[in-house]
C-alpha atoms as a PDB file:
ATOM      1  CA  MET A   1       0.143  98.181 -52.136  1.00  0.00           C
ATOM      2  CA  HIS A   2      -2.340  95.876 -50.430  1.00  0.00           C
ATOM      3  CA  ALA A   3      -5.670  95.340 -52.177  1.00  0.00           C
ATOM      4  CA  THR A   4      -7.364  96.189 -48.874  1.00  0.00           C
ATOM      5  CA  LEU A   5      -5.985  99.739 -48.909  1.00  0.00           C
ATOM      6  CA  LYS A   6      -6.912 100.226 -52.561  1.00  0.00           C
ATOM      7  CA  GLU A   7     -10.439  99.128 -51.770  1.00  0.00           C
ATOM      8  CA  ILE A   8     -10.820 101.424 -48.760  1.00  0.00           C
ATOM      9  CA  ARG A   9      -9.699 104.282 -51.004  1.00  0.00           C
ATOM     10  CA  LYS A  10     -12.463 103.326 -53.456  1.00  0.00           C
ATOM     11  CA  THR A  11     -15.174 104.376 -50.989  1.00  0.00           C
ATOM     12  CA  PRO A  12     -16.142 107.545 -52.931  1.00  0.00           C
ATOM     13  CA  GLU A  13     -16.403 105.498 -56.137  1.00  0.00           C
ATOM     14  CA  GLY A  14     -18.431 102.898 -54.258  1.00  0.00           C
ATOM     15  CA  ILE A  15     -20.996 105.514 -53.244  1.00  0.00           C
ATOM     16  CA  LEU A  16     -21.580 106.344 -56.904  1.00  0.00           C
ATOM     17  CA  LYS A  17     -21.846 102.625 -57.741  1.00  0.00           C
ATOM     18  CA  ALA A  18     -24.370 102.350 -54.915  1.00  0.00           C
ATOM     19  CA  GLN A  19     -26.431 105.127 -56.455  1.00  0.00           C
ATOM     20  CA  GLU A  20     -26.411 103.343 -59.811  1.00  0.00           C
ATOM     21  CA  ALA A  21     -27.656 100.157 -58.151  1.00  0.00           C
ATOM     22  CA  PHE A  22     -30.435 102.093 -56.426  1.00  0.00           C
ATOM     23  CA  GLU A  23     -31.478 103.731 -59.696  1.00  0.00           C
ATOM     24  CA  ARG A  24     -31.721 100.318 -61.385  1.00  0.00           C
ATOM     25  CA  ILE A  25     -34.058  98.838 -58.790  1.00  0.00           C
ATOM     26  CA  LYS A  26     -36.144 101.744 -57.463  1.00  0.00           C
ATOM     27  CA  GLU A  27     -38.931 101.321 -60.032  1.00  0.00           C
ATOM     28  CA  GLU A  28     -39.135  97.589 -59.327  1.00  0.00           C
ATOM     29  CA  VAL A  29     -39.197  97.539 -55.529  1.00  0.00           C
ATOM     30  CA  THR A  30     -41.108  99.470 -52.888  1.00  0.00           C
ATOM     31  CA  LEU A  31     -39.974  98.324 -49.472  1.00  0.00           C
ATOM     32  CA  PRO A  32     -42.697  97.408 -46.961  1.00  0.00           C
ATOM     33  CA  ARG A  33     -42.760  98.594 -43.338  1.00  0.00           C
ATOM     34  CA  ASN A  34     -42.028  95.300 -41.567  1.00  0.00           C
ATOM     35  CA  ILE A  35     -38.654  93.901 -42.638  1.00  0.00           C
ATOM     36  CA  LEU A  36     -36.351  91.168 -41.332  1.00  0.00           C
ATOM     37  CA  TYR A  37     -32.652  91.591 -42.098  1.00  0.00           C
ATOM     38  CA  THR A  38     -30.072  88.824 -41.974  1.00  0.00           C
ATOM     39  CA  GLY A  39     -26.416  88.233 -42.777  1.00  0.00           C
ATOM     40  CA  CYS A  40     -23.204  86.794 -41.320  1.00  0.00           C
ATOM     41  CA  GLY A  41     -20.191  88.592 -39.869  1.00  0.00           C
ATOM     42  CA  SER A  42     -19.867  92.059 -41.407  1.00  0.00           C
ATOM     43  CA  SER A  43     -23.116  91.459 -43.283  1.00  0.00           C
ATOM     44  CA  HIS A  44     -24.902  90.890 -39.973  1.00  0.00           C
ATOM     45  CA  PHE A  45     -23.565  94.176 -38.601  1.00  0.00           C
ATOM     46  CA  LEU A  46     -24.809  95.767 -41.816  1.00  0.00           C
ATOM     47  CA  SER A  47     -28.190  94.133 -41.237  1.00  0.00           C
ATOM     48  CA  GLN A  48     -28.291  95.800 -37.804  1.00  0.00           C
ATOM     49  CA  LEU A  49     -27.602  99.176 -39.414  1.00  0.00           C
ATOM     50  CA  LEU A  50     -30.380  98.648 -41.935  1.00  0.00           C
ATOM     51  CA  ALA A  51     -32.852  97.550 -39.264  1.00  0.00           C
ATOM     52  CA  MET A  52     -32.051 100.671 -37.223  1.00  0.00           C
ATOM     53  CA  ALA A  53     -32.436 102.897 -40.280  1.00  0.00           C
ATOM     54  CA  THR A  54     -35.801 101.255 -41.003  1.00  0.00           C
ATOM     55  CA  ASN A  55     -36.979 101.957 -37.464  1.00  0.00           C
ATOM     56  CA  ALA A  56     -35.713 105.547 -37.577  1.00  0.00           C
ATOM     57  CA  LEU A  57     -37.673 106.201 -40.778  1.00  0.00           C
ATOM     58  CA  GLY A  58     -40.955 104.857 -39.422  1.00  0.00           C
ATOM     59  CA  GLY A  59     -40.820 101.177 -40.342  1.00  0.00           C
ATOM     60  CA  LYS A  60     -40.176  98.119 -38.202  1.00  0.00           C
ATOM     61  CA  GLY A  61     -36.855  96.380 -38.713  1.00  0.00           C
ATOM     62  CA  ILE A  62     -35.264  93.474 -36.899  1.00  0.00           C
ATOM     63  CA  ALA A  63     -31.844  91.932 -37.565  1.00  0.00           C
ATOM     64  CA  LEU A  64     -30.667  88.405 -36.860  1.00  0.00           C
ATOM     65  CA  PRO A  65     -27.538  86.484 -37.820  1.00  0.00           C
ATOM     66  CA  CYS A  66     -28.420  83.840 -40.385  1.00  0.00           C
ATOM     67  CA  SER A  67     -27.593  80.963 -38.054  1.00  0.00           C
ATOM     68  CA  GLU A  68     -29.948  82.315 -35.380  1.00  0.00           C
ATOM     69  CA  LEU A  69     -32.701  82.782 -37.933  1.00  0.00           C
ATOM     70  CA  VAL A  70     -32.287  79.227 -39.155  1.00  0.00           C
ATOM     71  CA  TYR A  71     -31.804  77.390 -35.864  1.00  0.00           C
ATOM     72  CA  SER A  72     -33.046  79.562 -32.967  1.00  0.00           C
ATOM     73  CA  ARG A  73     -35.649  81.959 -34.337  1.00  0.00           C
ATOM     74  CA  ASN A  74     -38.273  80.968 -31.751  1.00  0.00           C
ATOM     75  CA  TYR A  75     -36.289  82.977 -29.179  1.00  0.00           C
ATOM     76  CA  TYR A  76     -36.733  86.234 -31.094  1.00  0.00           C
ATOM     77  CA  ALA A  77     -39.732  88.520 -31.658  1.00  0.00           C
ATOM     78  CA  ILE A  78     -39.760  88.151 -35.432  1.00  0.00           C
ATOM     79  CA  ASN A  79     -43.543  88.467 -35.707  1.00  0.00           C
ATOM     80  CA  SER A  80     -44.668  88.453 -39.357  1.00  0.00           C
ATOM     81  CA  PRO A  81     -42.208  90.255 -41.620  1.00  0.00           C
ATOM     82  CA  GLU A  82     -43.339  91.245 -45.083  1.00  0.00           C
ATOM     83  CA  LEU A  83     -39.832  90.940 -46.526  1.00  0.00           C
ATOM     84  CA  ILE A  84     -36.511  89.256 -45.733  1.00  0.00           C
ATOM     85  CA  VAL A  85     -33.401  91.149 -46.799  1.00  0.00           C
ATOM     86  CA  ALA A  86     -30.512  88.700 -47.046  1.00  0.00           C
ATOM     87  CA  ILE A  87     -27.008  90.181 -47.305  1.00  0.00           C
ATOM     88  CA  SER A  88     -23.844  88.557 -48.671  1.00  0.00           C
ATOM     89  CA  ARG A  89     -21.003  90.242 -50.544  1.00  0.00           C
ATOM     90  CA  SER A  90     -20.265  87.069 -52.527  1.00  0.00           C
ATOM     91  CA  GLY A  91     -23.870  85.931 -52.699  1.00  0.00           C
ATOM     92  CA  GLU A  92     -22.649  82.382 -52.081  1.00  0.00           C
ATOM     93  CA  THR A  93     -22.544  82.138 -48.264  1.00  0.00           C
ATOM     94  CA  THR A  94     -24.142  78.858 -47.201  1.00  0.00           C
ATOM     95  CA  GLU A  95     -25.945  80.222 -44.136  1.00  0.00           C
ATOM     96  CA  VAL A  96     -27.416  83.146 -46.056  1.00  0.00           C
ATOM     97  CA  LEU A  97     -28.837  80.895 -48.741  1.00  0.00           C
ATOM     98  CA  LYS A  98     -30.249  78.571 -46.092  1.00  0.00           C
ATOM     99  CA  ALA A  99     -31.832  81.458 -44.163  1.00  0.00           C
ATOM    100  CA  MET A 100     -33.810  82.477 -47.226  1.00  0.00           C
ATOM    101  CA  ASP A 101     -35.862  79.291 -46.968  1.00  0.00           C
ATOM    102  CA  VAL A 102     -36.975  79.820 -43.368  1.00  0.00           C
ATOM    103  CA  LEU A 103     -40.044  82.001 -43.945  1.00  0.00           C
ATOM    104  CA  ASN A 104     -42.502  82.024 -46.819  1.00  0.00           C
ATOM    105  CA  VAL A 105     -42.273  85.726 -47.619  1.00  0.00           C
ATOM    106  CA  LYS A 106     -40.685  87.804 -50.364  1.00  0.00           C
ATOM    107  CA  LYS A 107     -36.885  88.036 -50.352  1.00  0.00           C
ATOM    108  CA  LEU A 108     -34.464  90.751 -51.431  1.00  0.00           C
ATOM    109  CA  GLY A 109     -30.817  89.832 -51.934  1.00  0.00           C
ATOM    110  CA  LEU A 110     -28.175  92.503 -51.294  1.00  0.00           C
ATOM    111  CA  THR A 111     -24.873  91.486 -52.906  1.00  0.00           C
ATOM    112  CA  ALA A 112     -21.970  92.598 -55.091  1.00  0.00           C
ATOM    113  CA  TYR A 113     -22.428  89.981 -57.811  1.00  0.00           C
ATOM    114  CA  GLU A 114     -24.852  88.039 -59.941  1.00  0.00           C
ATOM    115  CA  SER A 115     -24.843  85.002 -57.685  1.00  0.00           C
ATOM    116  CA  ALA A 116     -26.808  82.219 -56.064  1.00  0.00           C
ATOM    117  CA  LEU A 117     -28.303  84.835 -53.739  1.00  0.00           C
ATOM    118  CA  SER A 118     -29.406  87.213 -56.494  1.00  0.00           C
ATOM    119  CA  LYS A 119     -30.944  84.312 -58.448  1.00  0.00           C
ATOM    120  CA  LYS A 120     -32.763  82.864 -55.447  1.00  0.00           C
ATOM    121  CA  ALA A 121     -34.235  86.171 -54.261  1.00  0.00           C
ATOM    122  CA  ASP A 122     -37.406  87.736 -55.606  1.00  0.00           C
ATOM    123  CA  TYR A 123     -35.518  91.017 -55.961  1.00  0.00           C
ATOM    124  CA  ALA A 124     -31.786  91.697 -56.181  1.00  0.00           C
ATOM    125  CA  LEU A 125     -29.961  94.874 -55.231  1.00  0.00           C
ATOM    126  CA  ILE A 126     -26.577  94.245 -56.868  1.00  0.00           C
ATOM    127  CA  VAL A 127     -24.010  96.887 -55.927  1.00  0.00           C
ATOM    128  CA  ASP A 128     -21.032  96.607 -58.262  1.00  0.00           C
ATOM    129  CA  THR A 129     -18.247  96.797 -55.673  1.00  0.00           C
ATOM    130  CA  PRO A 130     -16.105  93.662 -56.135  1.00  0.00           C
ATOM    131  CA  GLU A 131     -13.197  93.225 -53.739  1.00  0.00           C
ATOM    132  CA  ASP A 132     -10.062  91.087 -53.969  1.00  0.00           C
ATOM    133  CA  SER A 133      -9.422  91.196 -50.228  1.00  0.00           C
ATOM    134  CA  VAL A 134     -11.009  88.778 -47.777  1.00  0.00           C
ATOM    135  CA  VAL A 135     -12.508  91.494 -45.554  1.00  0.00           C
ATOM    136  CA  MET A 136     -15.379  93.798 -46.529  1.00  0.00           C
ATOM    137  CA  THR A 137     -14.406  97.461 -46.778  1.00  0.00           C
ATOM    138  CA  HIS A 138     -15.855  99.864 -49.342  1.00  0.00           C
ATOM    139  CA  SER A 139     -18.510  97.328 -50.349  1.00  0.00           C
ATOM    140  CA  PHE A 140     -19.987  97.531 -46.818  1.00  0.00           C
ATOM    141  CA  THR A 141     -20.354 101.309 -47.089  1.00  0.00           C
ATOM    142  CA  ALA A 142     -21.782 101.108 -50.606  1.00  0.00           C
ATOM    143  CA  PHE A 143     -24.310  98.406 -49.655  1.00  0.00           C
ATOM    144  CA  TYR A 144     -25.510 100.541 -46.760  1.00  0.00           C
ATOM    145  CA  PHE A 145     -25.874 103.703 -48.839  1.00  0.00           C
ATOM    146  CA  SER A 146     -27.628 101.996 -51.749  1.00  0.00           C
ATOM    147  CA  TYR A 147     -30.207 100.350 -49.506  1.00  0.00           C
ATOM    148  CA  LEU A 148     -30.675 103.539 -47.471  1.00  0.00           C
ATOM    149  CA  GLN A 149     -31.559 105.349 -50.702  1.00  0.00           C
ATOM    150  CA  LEU A 150     -34.122 102.648 -51.539  1.00  0.00           C
ATOM    151  CA  LEU A 151     -35.539 102.820 -48.027  1.00  0.00           C
ATOM    152  CA  ARG A 152     -36.001 106.589 -48.181  1.00  0.00           C
ATOM    153  CA  GLU A 153     -37.556 106.397 -51.644  1.00  0.00           C
ATOM    154  CA  SER A 154     -39.963 103.660 -50.490  1.00  0.00           C
ATOM    155  CA  TYR A 155     -41.057 105.677 -47.452  1.00  0.00           C
ATOM    156  CA  GLY A 156     -41.735 108.833 -49.453  1.00  0.00           C
ATOM    157  CA  LEU A 157     -38.583 110.698 -48.426  1.00  0.00           C
ATOM    158  CA  GLN A 158     -36.084 112.457 -50.653  1.00  0.00           C
ATOM    159  CA  ALA A 159     -33.010 110.412 -51.475  1.00  0.00           C
ATOM    160  CA  PHE A 160     -29.617 111.813 -50.526  1.00  0.00           C
ATOM    161  CA  ASN A 161     -27.381 113.536 -53.079  1.00  0.00           C
ATOM    162  CA  ALA A 162     -24.925 110.778 -53.988  1.00  0.00           C
ATOM    163  CA  GLU A 163     -22.372 113.163 -55.484  1.00  0.00           C
ATOM    164  CA  GLU A 164     -22.287 115.142 -52.256  1.00  0.00           C
ATOM    165  CA  VAL A 165     -22.008 112.005 -50.117  1.00  0.00           C
ATOM    166  CA  SER A 166     -19.202 110.731 -52.346  1.00  0.00           C
ATOM    167  CA  ARG A 167     -17.385 114.046 -51.836  1.00  0.00           C
ATOM    168  CA  LEU A 168     -17.794 113.734 -48.069  1.00  0.00           C
ATOM    169  CA  THR A 169     -16.095 110.340 -48.112  1.00  0.00           C
ATOM    170  CA  ARG A 170     -13.247 111.780 -50.179  1.00  0.00           C
ATOM    171  CA  ASP A 171     -12.785 114.375 -47.443  1.00  0.00           C
ATOM    172  CA  VAL A 172     -12.778 111.668 -44.780  1.00  0.00           C
ATOM    173  CA  LEU A 173     -10.080 109.729 -46.608  1.00  0.00           C
ATOM    174  CA  LYS A 174      -7.783 112.761 -46.398  1.00  0.00           C
ATOM    175  CA  ASN A 175      -7.243 111.700 -42.765  1.00  0.00           C
ATOM    176  CA  GLU A 176      -5.298 108.598 -43.846  1.00  0.00           C
ATOM    177  CA  GLY A 177      -1.925 110.136 -42.974  1.00  0.00           C
ATOM    178  CA  TYR A 178      -3.139 111.157 -39.504  1.00  0.00           C
ATOM    179  CA  ILE A 179      -4.346 107.624 -38.796  1.00  0.00           C
ATOM    180  CA  ARG A 180      -1.050 106.125 -39.953  1.00  0.00           C
ATOM    181  CA  GLU A 181       0.859 108.532 -37.684  1.00  0.00           C
ATOM    182  CA  LEU A 182      -1.383 107.667 -34.717  1.00  0.00           C
ATOM    183  CA  VAL A 183      -0.635 103.965 -35.125  1.00  0.00           C
ATOM    184  CA  ASP A 184       3.096 104.645 -35.467  1.00  0.00           C
ATOM    185  CA  GLU A 185       3.118 106.939 -32.425  1.00  0.00           C
ATOM    186  CA  PHE A 186       1.041 104.929 -29.946  1.00  0.00           C
ATOM    187  CA  GLU A 187       1.836 101.227 -29.581  1.00  0.00           C
ATOM    188  CA  PHE A 188      -1.553 100.342 -28.091  1.00  0.00           C
ATOM    189  CA  SER A 189      -2.053  96.691 -27.153  1.00  0.00           C
ATOM    190  CA  ASN A 190      -5.857  96.691 -27.213  1.00  0.00           C
ATOM    191  CA  VAL A 191      -8.614  98.872 -28.605  1.00  0.00           C
ATOM    192  CA  ILE A 192     -12.187  99.528 -27.495  1.00  0.00           C
ATOM    193  CA  PHE A 193     -14.751 100.926 -29.940  1.00  0.00           C
ATOM    194  CA  LEU A 194     -17.805 102.773 -28.627  1.00  0.00           C
ATOM    195  CA  GLY A 195     -20.917 104.041 -30.394  1.00  0.00           C
ATOM    196  CA  SER A 196     -24.574 104.811 -29.688  1.00  0.00           C
ATOM    197  CA  GLY A 197     -27.628 104.223 -31.841  1.00  0.00           C
ATOM    198  CA  ILE A 198     -26.790 103.929 -35.538  1.00  0.00           C
ATOM    199  CA  LEU A 199     -23.078 104.063 -34.643  1.00  0.00           C
ATOM    200  CA  TYR A 200     -23.156 101.029 -32.349  1.00  0.00           C
ATOM    201  CA  PRO A 201     -23.162  98.550 -35.274  1.00  0.00           C
ATOM    202  CA  VAL A 202     -20.308 100.619 -36.757  1.00  0.00           C
ATOM    203  CA  ALA A 203     -18.374 100.053 -33.516  1.00  0.00           C
ATOM    204  CA  LEU A 204     -19.077  96.321 -33.845  1.00  0.00           C
ATOM    205  CA  GLU A 205     -17.838  96.369 -37.425  1.00  0.00           C
ATOM    206  CA  ALA A 206     -14.730  98.281 -36.298  1.00  0.00           C
ATOM    207  CA  MET A 207     -14.045  95.574 -33.728  1.00  0.00           C
ATOM    208  CA  LEU A 208     -14.349  92.903 -36.400  1.00  0.00           C
ATOM    209  CA  LYS A 209     -12.114  94.767 -38.862  1.00  0.00           C
ATOM    210  CA  MET A 210      -9.387  95.012 -36.206  1.00  0.00           C
ATOM    211  CA  LYS A 211      -9.672  91.292 -35.458  1.00  0.00           C
ATOM    212  CA  GLU A 212      -9.746  90.281 -39.132  1.00  0.00           C
ATOM    213  CA  MET A 213      -7.029  92.522 -40.569  1.00  0.00           C
ATOM    214  CA  ALA A 214      -4.633  92.930 -37.656  1.00  0.00           C
ATOM    215  CA  ILE A 215      -5.372  89.709 -35.712  1.00  0.00           C
ATOM    216  CA  PHE A 216      -5.607  92.038 -32.756  1.00  0.00           C
ATOM    217  CA  TRP A 217      -7.520  92.245 -29.466  1.00  0.00           C
ATOM    218  CA  SER A 218     -10.540  94.534 -29.800  1.00  0.00           C
ATOM    219  CA  GLU A 219     -13.934  95.038 -28.188  1.00  0.00           C
ATOM    220  CA  ALA A 220     -17.051  97.096 -28.885  1.00  0.00           C
ATOM    221  CA  TYR A 221     -19.777  98.372 -26.582  1.00  0.00           C
ATOM    222  CA  PRO A 222     -22.669 100.837 -26.552  1.00  0.00           C
ATOM    223  CA  MET A 223     -21.172 104.206 -25.585  1.00  0.00           C
ATOM    224  CA  PHE A 224     -22.168 104.515 -21.947  1.00  0.00           C
ATOM    225  CA  GLU A 225     -22.851 100.846 -21.240  1.00  0.00           C
ATOM    226  CA  VAL A 226     -19.053 100.431 -21.153  1.00  0.00           C
ATOM    227  CA  ARG A 227     -19.039 102.082 -17.705  1.00  0.00           C
ATOM    228  CA  HIS A 228     -20.921  99.147 -16.203  1.00  0.00           C
ATOM    229  CA  GLY A 229     -18.022  96.793 -15.611  1.00  0.00           C
ATOM    230  CA  PHE A 230     -16.530  96.639 -19.098  1.00  0.00           C
ATOM    231  CA  LYS A 231     -14.307  99.702 -18.606  1.00  0.00           C
ATOM    232  CA  SER A 232     -12.091  97.691 -16.252  1.00  0.00           C
ATOM    233  CA  ILE A 233     -10.141  96.332 -19.233  1.00  0.00           C
ATOM    234  CA  ALA A 234      -8.839  99.799 -20.203  1.00  0.00           C
ATOM    235  CA  ASP A 235      -5.379 100.885 -19.031  1.00  0.00           C
ATOM    236  CA  ASP A 236      -2.361 102.820 -20.294  1.00  0.00           C
ATOM    237  CA  ASN A 237      -1.958 100.351 -23.182  1.00  0.00           C
ATOM    238  CA  SER A 238      -5.497 100.952 -24.455  1.00  0.00           C
ATOM    239  CA  LEU A 239      -6.880 103.073 -27.272  1.00  0.00           C
ATOM    240  CA  VAL A 240     -10.553 103.961 -26.832  1.00  0.00           C
ATOM    241  CA  VAL A 241     -12.276 105.026 -30.067  1.00  0.00           C
ATOM    242  CA  MET A 242     -15.474 106.996 -29.478  1.00  0.00           C
ATOM    243  CA  LEU A 243     -17.805 107.452 -32.463  1.00  0.00           C
ATOM    244  CA  VAL A 244     -19.916 110.464 -31.515  1.00  0.00           C
ATOM    245  CA  SER A 245     -22.762 111.903 -33.592  1.00  0.00           C
ATOM    246  CA  ASP A 246     -24.357 114.263 -31.063  1.00  0.00           C
ATOM    247  CA  PRO A 247     -21.880 115.175 -28.284  1.00  0.00           C
ATOM    248  CA  PHE A 248     -23.010 116.289 -24.838  1.00  0.00           C
ATOM    249  CA  GLU A 249     -21.688 116.440 -21.274  1.00  0.00           C
ATOM    250  CA  TRP A 250     -21.582 112.690 -20.693  1.00  0.00           C
ATOM    251  CA  HIS A 251     -19.201 112.167 -23.612  1.00  0.00           C
ATOM    252  CA  GLU A 252     -16.690 114.582 -22.079  1.00  0.00           C
ATOM    253  CA  LYS A 253     -17.015 112.830 -18.721  1.00  0.00           C
ATOM    254  CA  LEU A 254     -16.388 109.474 -20.376  1.00  0.00           C
ATOM    255  CA  VAL A 255     -13.248 110.774 -22.090  1.00  0.00           C
ATOM    256  CA  ARG A 256     -11.889 111.953 -18.725  1.00  0.00           C
ATOM    257  CA  GLU A 257     -12.879 108.700 -17.067  1.00  0.00           C
ATOM    258  CA  PHE A 258     -10.852 106.617 -19.521  1.00  0.00           C
ATOM    259  CA  GLN A 259      -7.948 109.050 -19.339  1.00  0.00           C
ATOM    260  CA  GLY A 260      -8.049 108.618 -15.555  1.00  0.00           C
ATOM    261  CA  GLN A 261      -7.414 104.914 -16.144  1.00  0.00           C
ATOM    262  CA  GLY A 262      -4.387 105.768 -18.317  1.00  0.00           C
ATOM    263  CA  ALA A 263      -6.029 105.060 -21.676  1.00  0.00           C
ATOM    264  CA  LYS A 264      -5.775 107.350 -24.677  1.00  0.00           C
ATOM    265  CA  VAL A 265      -8.973 108.390 -26.435  1.00  0.00           C
ATOM    266  CA  MET A 266      -9.678 108.997 -30.108  1.00  0.00           C
ATOM    267  CA  VAL A 267     -12.909 110.863 -30.873  1.00  0.00           C
ATOM    268  CA  VAL A 268     -14.521 110.705 -34.298  1.00  0.00           C
ATOM    269  CA  GLY A 269     -17.231 113.338 -34.568  1.00  0.00           C
ATOM    270  CA  GLU A 270     -17.983 117.035 -34.349  1.00  0.00           C
ATOM    271  CA  LYS A 271     -16.020 118.002 -31.206  1.00  0.00           C
ATOM    272  CA  GLU A 272     -12.666 117.062 -29.719  1.00  0.00           C
ATOM    273  CA  LEU A 273     -14.062 116.538 -26.202  1.00  0.00           C
ATOM    274  CA  GLY A 274     -10.589 116.741 -24.642  1.00  0.00           C
ATOM    275  CA  SER A 275      -9.321 113.598 -26.365  1.00  0.00           C
ATOM    276  CA  GLU A 276      -5.690 112.894 -27.327  1.00  0.00           C
ATOM    277  CA  TYR A 277      -6.669 112.112 -30.917  1.00  0.00           C
ATOM    278  CA  TYR A 278      -9.469 113.696 -32.886  1.00  0.00           C
ATOM    279  CA  LEU A 279     -10.910 113.295 -36.372  1.00  0.00           C
ATOM    280  CA  GLN A 280     -13.605 115.769 -37.302  1.00  0.00           C
ATOM    281  CA  VAL A 281     -16.365 114.615 -39.620  1.00  0.00           C
ATOM    282  CA  ALA A 282     -18.888 116.842 -41.342  1.00  0.00           C
ATOM    283  CA  LYS A 283     -22.261 117.524 -39.750  1.00  0.00           C
ATOM    284  CA  VAL A 284     -24.573 115.196 -41.676  1.00  0.00           C
ATOM    285  CA  ASP A 285     -27.945 113.518 -41.324  1.00  0.00           C
ATOM    286  CA  GLU A 286     -27.488 110.969 -38.550  1.00  0.00           C
ATOM    287  CA  LEU A 287     -28.240 108.078 -40.901  1.00  0.00           C
ATOM    288  CA  LEU A 288     -25.215 109.145 -42.979  1.00  0.00           C
ATOM    289  CA  MET A 289     -22.848 108.969 -39.998  1.00  0.00           C
ATOM    290  CA  PRO A 290     -21.916 105.336 -40.784  1.00  0.00           C
ATOM    291  CA  VAL A 291     -20.866 106.414 -44.291  1.00  0.00           C
ATOM    292  CA  VAL A 292     -18.406 109.037 -43.029  1.00  0.00           C
ATOM    293  CA  THR A 293     -17.044 106.975 -40.117  1.00  0.00           C
ATOM    294  CA  LEU A 294     -16.546 103.553 -41.731  1.00  0.00           C
ATOM    295  CA  PRO A 295     -13.486 104.554 -43.804  1.00  0.00           C
ATOM    296  CA  ILE A 296     -11.793 105.830 -40.634  1.00  0.00           C
ATOM    297  CA  ILE A 297     -12.167 102.627 -38.667  1.00  0.00           C
ATOM    298  CA  GLN A 298     -11.166 100.565 -41.709  1.00  0.00           C
ATOM    299  CA  LEU A 299      -7.963 102.589 -42.123  1.00  0.00           C
ATOM    300  CA  LEU A 300      -7.192 102.243 -38.410  1.00  0.00           C
ATOM    301  CA  ALA A 301      -7.433  98.457 -38.655  1.00  0.00           C
ATOM    302  CA  TYR A 302      -5.415  98.420 -41.876  1.00  0.00           C
ATOM    303  CA  TYR A 303      -2.499 100.422 -40.495  1.00  0.00           C
ATOM    304  CA  LYS A 304      -2.478  98.431 -37.258  1.00  0.00           C
ATOM    305  CA  ALA A 305      -2.212  95.284 -39.391  1.00  0.00           C
ATOM    306  CA  VAL A 306       0.711  96.751 -41.346  1.00  0.00           C
ATOM    307  CA  LYS A 307       2.397  97.852 -38.106  1.00  0.00           C
ATOM    308  CA  ARG A 308       2.116  94.283 -36.784  1.00  0.00           C
ATOM    309  CA  GLY A 309       3.511  92.806 -40.003  1.00  0.00           C
ATOM    310  CA  MET A 310       0.224  91.138 -40.966  1.00  0.00           C
ATOM    311  CA  ASN A 311      -1.187  90.710 -44.468  1.00  0.00           C
ATOM    312  CA  PRO A 312      -4.660  92.286 -44.290  1.00  0.00           C
ATOM    313  CA  ASP A 313      -5.552  90.915 -47.737  1.00  0.00           C
ATOM    314  CA  ASN A 314      -5.391  87.310 -46.542  1.00  0.00           C
ATOM    315  CA  PRO A 315      -5.935  87.032 -42.775  1.00  0.00           C
ATOM    316  CA  ARG A 316      -5.139  83.685 -41.189  1.00  0.00           C
ATOM    317  CA  PHE A 317      -7.910  81.076 -40.959  1.00  0.00           C
ATOM    318  CA  LEU A 318     -10.330  83.226 -42.995  1.00  0.00           C
ATOM    319  CA  GLU A 319     -11.803  82.780 -46.455  1.00  0.00           C
ATOM    320  CA  LYS A 320     -13.454  85.265 -48.776  1.00  0.00           C
ATOM    321  CA  VAL A 321     -16.530  83.041 -49.222  1.00  0.00           C
ATOM    322  CA  VAL A 322     -17.737  81.063 -46.199  1.00  0.00           C
ATOM    323  CA  ARG A 323     -19.271  77.727 -47.119  1.00  0.00           C
ATOM    324  CA  TRP A 324     -20.045  74.578 -45.177  1.00  0.00           C
END
């Protein structure tokens, strides 16, 4: 069995590890209101999630890739953050370490290991979710949940019940067989991921997982923005994956619109919306939607990789730790 699949299946365990990490740091750190988030690749998409969660809870978050923060920050409305949150699974990524030197403010490192990042930061949120595979899977979900707990605690809100959230991810993983059958049944040649709000960065991460694991053509767009030109790429060889947290009439129209172009649609959410493929997820707080959708898109990428004869543990041209 590939390490990647084992690690996706560890998502429920990762949630509990995330809670432990939160418990260790919550007395040490109270997050401020104005926070700059940065990372590379998956960690940048995670930084976008965290910035959105910060905004949703009453703070002010902005996310930039590390390279943009280092070399092009004058083009962005950074203002005066009170904290930089730098994210790296390994804690050794060159760009992340360099980005920490850009502004003279406090730094929090979010990582899976005692590392250069954790040592350089003023505070370290170390989530014990090591992975043998090159791509981030359950560590991404655990990082998000652990920091979300810290964010809620800092802003005077009740933290989520980690045991319950872990159980929800176990339920989600029961869909593994359905996802494998979908990939075996439909030989799609491209995939488009769509999400709104907190689920847009999840769509971006889904796109990256498909590229990394399966070496496969994938795109991601905000849910309805796809209608403005981008939909032209969809045809009868396309799978459109819609991540839907709060369905309404427009979602159903969009499903029919893609079906009119010959594409098949997979909906992940509360309602089927007339799609060919459907995975129901529990009704949860919107900020928990990434937690219950990430395992699904990771499994989809994994089984597409297996179908194509790829090794998702060691994708071509990629390394587990990116250094210059």
